[in-house]
Amino acid sequence: MYAHYFYSPITNKLEIMGFDKRYESNVDSLGRVSARDQMALPKEQVDPSYLIVGNIPVVVRESYLPRFLEMGEDVIEISKRIAPPGLFGPFCLETILTPEGEIITFEISARIVAGTNPYINGSPYTDITYDEPMSTGRRIAREIKIAIEKGQLSKILH
């Protein structure tokens, strides 16, 4: 599960922009082939590839949302201590959810990641916050506009 966030140092607000999962070439399709049929194939024809070929939008189970928000907030707070003024704008937590429901982050991307592309007009999460389509690119533009209007452009230009 890939969680996409946007943090505003002007409003001190963290937003969830959306979630996605990666579609990895043949490894995601192998589960659709019965074990009997897989076993009948020559071994060299069933060589799983983990090449990412796409992104699929996901609506996260509601019971996970508080934890995902907490994780995003933790990243922001720790980033402020490690490298002031800290992380701001778009970022992504790349996670694995265990069978026990534990969320494990294996990578933090401090940028727009490919998984935001399915959300050109926004996601179910941005629909809750905004009365208009809100992609990550549009959210960045809005942050710049707000910073100019409030005379706080220095907070987002580093």
C-alpha atoms as a PDB file:
ATOM      1  CA  MET A   1       0.000   0.000   0.000  1.00  0.00           C
ATOM      2  CA  TYR A   2       1.400   3.366  -0.985  1.00  0.00           C
ATOM      3  CA  ALA A   3       0.054   6.331   1.016  1.00  0.00           C
ATOM      4  CA  HIS A   4       0.276   9.751  -0.633  1.00  0.00           C
ATOM      5  CA  TYR A   5       0.383  12.819   1.598  1.00  0.00           C
ATOM      6  CA  PHE A   6       0.696  16.577   1.420  1.00  0.00           C
ATOM      7  CA  TYR A   7       1.962  18.604   4.364  1.00  0.00           C
ATOM      8  CA  SER A   8       1.510  22.388   4.527  1.00  0.00           C
ATOM      9  CA  PRO A   9       3.959  24.282   6.747  1.00  0.00           C
ATOM     10  CA  ILE A  10       1.695  27.317   6.338  1.00  0.00           C
ATOM     11  CA  THR A  11      -1.407  25.683   7.849  1.00  0.00           C
ATOM     12  CA  ASN A  12       0.517  22.960   9.723  1.00  0.00           C
ATOM     13  CA  LYS A  13      -1.962  20.474   8.247  1.00  0.00           C
ATOM     14  CA  LEU A  14      -1.282  16.987   6.905  1.00  0.00           C
ATOM     15  CA  GLU A  15      -3.582  15.731   4.156  1.00  0.00           C
ATOM     16  CA  ILE A  16      -3.963  12.267   2.696  1.00  0.00           C
ATOM     17  CA  MET A  17      -4.066  12.690  -1.067  1.00  0.00           C
ATOM     18  CA  GLY A  18      -4.766   9.035  -1.902  1.00  0.00           C
ATOM     19  CA  PHE A  19      -3.529   5.456  -1.830  1.00  0.00           C
ATOM     20  CA  ASP A  20      -2.423   3.057  -4.513  1.00  0.00           C
ATOM     21  CA  LYS A  21      -0.913  -0.356  -5.024  1.00  0.00           C
ATOM     22  CA  ARG A  22       1.630  -1.310  -7.622  1.00  0.00           C
ATOM     23  CA  TYR A  23       0.829  -3.695 -10.444  1.00  0.00           C
ATOM     24  CA  GLU A  24       3.908  -5.821 -11.058  1.00  0.00           C
ATOM     25  CA  SER A  25       3.933  -7.479 -14.491  1.00  0.00           C
ATOM     26  CA  ASN A  26       3.489 -11.234 -14.380  1.00  0.00           C
ATOM     27  CA  VAL A  27       3.841 -11.767 -10.625  1.00  0.00           C
ATOM     28  CA  ASP A  28       0.417 -10.173 -10.036  1.00  0.00           C
ATOM     29  CA  SER A  29      -1.119 -12.354 -12.738  1.00  0.00           C
ATOM     30  CA  LEU A  30       0.345 -15.665 -11.587  1.00  0.00           C
ATOM     31  CA  GLY A  31      -2.220 -15.923  -8.804  1.00  0.00           C
ATOM     32  CA  ARG A  32      -4.947 -16.148 -11.424  1.00  0.00           C
ATOM     33  CA  VAL A  33      -3.418 -19.264 -12.940  1.00  0.00           C
ATOM     34  CA  SER A  34      -4.325 -22.438 -11.100  1.00  0.00           C
ATOM     35  CA  ALA A  35      -1.519 -24.318  -9.332  1.00  0.00           C
ATOM     36  CA  ARG A  36      -2.209 -27.314 -11.582  1.00  0.00           C
ATOM     37  CA  ASP A  37      -1.684 -25.211 -14.716  1.00  0.00           C
ATOM     38  CA  GLN A  38       1.411 -23.520 -13.274  1.00  0.00           C
ATOM     39  CA  MET A  39       2.941 -26.881 -12.416  1.00  0.00           C
ATOM     40  CA  ALA A  40       2.330 -28.110 -15.969  1.00  0.00           C
ATOM     41  CA  LEU A  41       4.383 -25.252 -17.435  1.00  0.00           C
ATOM     42  CA  PRO A  42       8.137 -25.536 -17.943  1.00  0.00           C
ATOM     43  CA  LYS A  43       9.922 -23.800 -15.050  1.00  0.00           C
ATOM     44  CA  GLU A  44      11.460 -21.134 -17.315  1.00  0.00           C
ATOM     45  CA  GLN A  45       7.961 -20.023 -18.353  1.00  0.00           C
ATOM     46  CA  VAL A  46       6.921 -19.315 -14.746  1.00  0.00           C
ATOM     47  CA  ASP A  47       9.713 -16.950 -13.797  1.00  0.00           C
ATOM     48  CA  PRO A  48       8.050 -14.168 -11.782  1.00  0.00           C
ATOM     49  CA  SER A  49       9.021 -10.637 -12.656  1.00  0.00           C
ATOM     50  CA  TYR A  50       8.519  -7.791 -10.219  1.00  0.00           C
ATOM     51  CA  LEU A  51       8.718  -5.064 -12.859  1.00  0.00           C
ATOM     52  CA  ILE A  52       6.247  -2.326 -11.936  1.00  0.00           C
ATOM     53  CA  VAL A  53       4.010  -1.698 -14.925  1.00  0.00           C
ATOM     54  CA  GLY A  54       1.201   0.342 -13.370  1.00  0.00           C
ATOM     55  CA  ASN A  55      -0.589   1.721 -10.362  1.00  0.00           C
ATOM     56  CA  ILE A  56      -4.064   0.867  -9.125  1.00  0.00           C
ATOM     57  CA  PRO A  57      -6.015   3.357  -6.962  1.00  0.00           C
ATOM     58  CA  VAL A  58      -7.101   1.939  -3.603  1.00  0.00           C
ATOM     59  CA  VAL A  59      -9.585   3.030  -0.959  1.00  0.00           C
ATOM     60  CA  VAL A  60      -8.094   1.960   2.357  1.00  0.00           C
ATOM     61  CA  ARG A  61     -10.154   0.179   4.940  1.00  0.00           C
ATOM     62  CA  GLU A  62     -11.351   2.872   7.349  1.00  0.00           C
ATOM     63  CA  SER A  63      -9.867   1.175  10.403  1.00  0.00           C
ATOM     64  CA  TYR A  64      -6.370   1.759   8.934  1.00  0.00           C
ATOM     65  CA  LEU A  65      -6.826   5.515   8.366  1.00  0.00           C
ATOM     66  CA  PRO A  66      -5.958   6.680  11.909  1.00  0.00           C
ATOM     67  CA  ARG A  67      -2.711   4.704  11.793  1.00  0.00           C
ATOM     68  CA  PHE A  68      -1.801   6.049   8.339  1.00  0.00           C
ATOM     69  CA  LEU A  69      -2.449   9.602   9.564  1.00  0.00           C
ATOM     70  CA  GLU A  70      -0.349   8.990  12.671  1.00  0.00           C
ATOM     71  CA  MET A  71       2.484   7.594  10.558  1.00  0.00           C
ATOM     72  CA  GLY A  72       2.441  10.658   8.282  1.00  0.00           C
ATOM     73  CA  GLU A  73       2.414  13.001  11.282  1.00  0.00           C
ATOM     74  CA  ASP A  74       5.344  11.091  12.822  1.00  0.00           C
ATOM     75  CA  VAL A  75       7.357  11.507   9.622  1.00  0.00           C
ATOM     76  CA  ILE A  76       6.711  15.255   9.620  1.00  0.00           C
ATOM     77  CA  GLU A  77       7.697  15.674  13.294  1.00  0.00           C
ATOM     78  CA  ILE A  78      10.853  13.592  12.990  1.00  0.00           C
ATOM     79  CA  SER A  79      11.867  15.384   9.776  1.00  0.00           C
ATOM     80  CA  LYS A  80      11.633  18.729  11.623  1.00  0.00           C
ATOM     81  CA  ARG A  81      14.131  17.447  14.192  1.00  0.00           C
ATOM     82  CA  ILE A  82      16.487  15.798  11.703  1.00  0.00           C
ATOM     83  CA  ALA A  83      16.569  18.479   8.996  1.00  0.00           C
ATOM     84  CA  PRO A  84      14.815  21.734   9.943  1.00  0.00           C
ATOM     85  CA  PRO A  85      12.431  23.079   8.759  1.00  0.00           C
ATOM     86  CA  GLY A  86      11.439  19.510   7.930  1.00  0.00           C
ATOM     87  CA  LEU A  87       9.585  17.770   5.147  1.00  0.00           C
ATOM     88  CA  PHE A  88       6.792  19.660   3.426  1.00  0.00           C
ATOM     89  CA  GLY A  89       4.712  19.326   0.272  1.00  0.00           C
ATOM     90  CA  PRO A  90       4.005  15.910  -1.252  1.00  0.00           C
ATOM     91  CA  PHE A  91       5.512  12.696   0.073  1.00  0.00           C
ATOM     92  CA  CYS A  92       4.714   9.002   0.080  1.00  0.00           C
ATOM     93  CA  LEU A  93       5.050   6.194   2.604  1.00  0.00           C
ATOM     94  CA  GLU A  94       5.593   2.899   0.838  1.00  0.00           C
ATOM     95  CA  THR A  95       4.232   0.197   3.105  1.00  0.00           C
ATOM     96  CA  ILE A  96       3.425  -3.457   3.510  1.00  0.00           C
ATOM     97  CA  LEU A  97       0.395  -4.585   5.494  1.00  0.00           C
ATOM     98  CA  THR A  98       0.968  -7.861   7.304  1.00  0.00           C
ATOM     99  CA  PRO A  99      -1.680 -10.584   7.755  1.00  0.00           C
ATOM    100  CA  GLU A 100      -1.915  -9.390  11.380  1.00  0.00           C
ATOM    101  CA  GLY A 101      -2.831  -5.870  10.196  1.00  0.00           C
ATOM    102  CA  GLU A 102       0.513  -4.280  11.050  1.00  0.00           C
ATOM    103  CA  ILE A 103       1.645  -1.475   8.716  1.00  0.00           C
ATOM    104  CA  ILE A 104       5.373  -1.558   7.961  1.00  0.00           C
ATOM    105  CA  THR A 105       6.996   1.317   6.067  1.00  0.00           C
ATOM    106  CA  PHE A 106       9.894   0.231   3.893  1.00  0.00           C
ATOM    107  CA  GLU A 107      10.536   3.496   2.060  1.00  0.00           C
ATOM    108  CA  ILE A 108       9.761   7.195   2.299  1.00  0.00           C
ATOM    109  CA  SER A 109       9.664   9.144  -0.958  1.00  0.00           C
ATOM    110  CA  ALA A 110       9.956  12.871  -0.328  1.00  0.00           C
ATOM    111  CA  ARG A 111       8.403  13.759  -3.678  1.00  0.00           C
ATOM    112  CA  ILE A 112       5.472  13.136  -5.978  1.00  0.00           C
ATOM    113  CA  VAL A 113       5.465   9.432  -6.825  1.00  0.00           C
ATOM    114  CA  ALA A 114       3.921   7.623  -9.788  1.00  0.00           C
ATOM    115  CA  GLY A 115       0.975   6.438  -7.713  1.00  0.00           C
ATOM    116  CA  THR A 116      -0.480   9.938  -7.705  1.00  0.00           C
ATOM    117  CA  ASN A 117      -1.053   9.671 -11.472  1.00  0.00           C
ATOM    118  CA  PRO A 118      -4.360   7.757 -11.160  1.00  0.00           C
ATOM    119  CA  TYR A 119      -5.654  10.767  -9.225  1.00  0.00           C
ATOM    120  CA  ILE A 120      -5.538  13.457 -11.906  1.00  0.00           C
ATOM    121  CA  ASN A 121      -8.927  14.763 -10.735  1.00  0.00           C
ATOM    122  CA  GLY A 122      -8.292  13.945  -7.100  1.00  0.00           C
ATOM    123  CA  SER A 123      -9.179  10.912  -5.001  1.00  0.00           C
ATOM    124  CA  PRO A 124     -12.006   9.985  -2.624  1.00  0.00           C
ATOM    125  CA  TYR A 125      -9.827  11.513   0.104  1.00  0.00           C
ATOM    126  CA  THR A 126      -9.368  14.883  -1.607  1.00  0.00           C
ATOM    127  CA  ASP A 127     -13.090  14.922  -2.416  1.00  0.00           C
ATOM    128  CA  ILE A 128     -13.763  15.027   1.331  1.00  0.00           C
ATOM    129  CA  THR A 129     -11.503  18.059   1.837  1.00  0.00           C
ATOM    130  CA  TYR A 130     -12.093  20.080  -1.336  1.00  0.00           C
ATOM    131  CA  ASP A 131     -15.140  21.133  -3.337  1.00  0.00           C
ATOM    132  CA  GLU A 132     -13.213  20.814  -6.596  1.00  0.00           C
ATOM    133  CA  PRO A 133     -10.898  18.274  -8.226  1.00  0.00           C
ATOM    134  CA  MET A 134      -7.560  18.299  -6.358  1.00  0.00           C
ATOM    135  CA  SER A 135      -4.593  16.488  -7.838  1.00  0.00           C
ATOM    136  CA  THR A 136      -1.211  16.638  -6.121  1.00  0.00           C
ATOM    137  CA  GLY A 137       0.024  19.114  -8.743  1.00  0.00           C
ATOM    138  CA  ARG A 138      -2.963  21.370  -8.152  1.00  0.00           C
ATOM    139  CA  ARG A 139      -2.412  21.108  -4.389  1.00  0.00           C
ATOM    140  CA  ILE A 140       1.188  22.298  -4.835  1.00  0.00           C
ATOM    141  CA  ALA A 141      -0.054  25.241  -6.918  1.00  0.00           C
ATOM    142  CA  ARG A 142      -2.624  26.083  -4.244  1.00  0.00           C
ATOM    143  CA  GLU A 143       0.086  26.018  -1.544  1.00  0.00           C
ATOM    144  CA  ILE A 144       2.175  28.495  -3.548  1.00  0.00           C
ATOM    145  CA  LYS A 145      -0.839  30.770  -3.996  1.00  0.00           C
ATOM    146  CA  ILE A 146      -1.684  30.652  -0.268  1.00  0.00           C
ATOM    147  CA  ALA A 147       1.940  31.356   0.648  1.00  0.00           C
ATOM    148  CA  ILE A 148       2.010  34.410  -1.628  1.00  0.00           C
ATOM    149  CA  GLU A 149      -1.316  35.689  -0.271  1.00  0.00           C
ATOM    150  CA  LYS A 150      -0.123  35.312   3.342  1.00  0.00           C
ATOM    151  CA  GLY A 151       3.356  36.687   2.672  1.00  0.00           C
ATOM    152  CA  GLN A 152       4.885  33.356   3.715  1.00  0.00           C
ATOM    153  CA  LEU A 153       6.568  32.237   0.506  1.00  0.00           C
ATOM    154  CA  SER A 154       9.842  31.742   2.399  1.00  0.00           C
ATOM    155  CA  LYS A 155       8.225  28.834   4.295  1.00  0.00           C
ATOM    156  CA  ILE A 156       7.957  26.784   1.115  1.00  0.00           C
ATOM    157  CA  LEU A 157      11.019  27.954  -0.840  1.00  0.00           C
ATOM    158  CA  HIS A 158      14.124  26.198   0.452  1.00  0.00           C
END
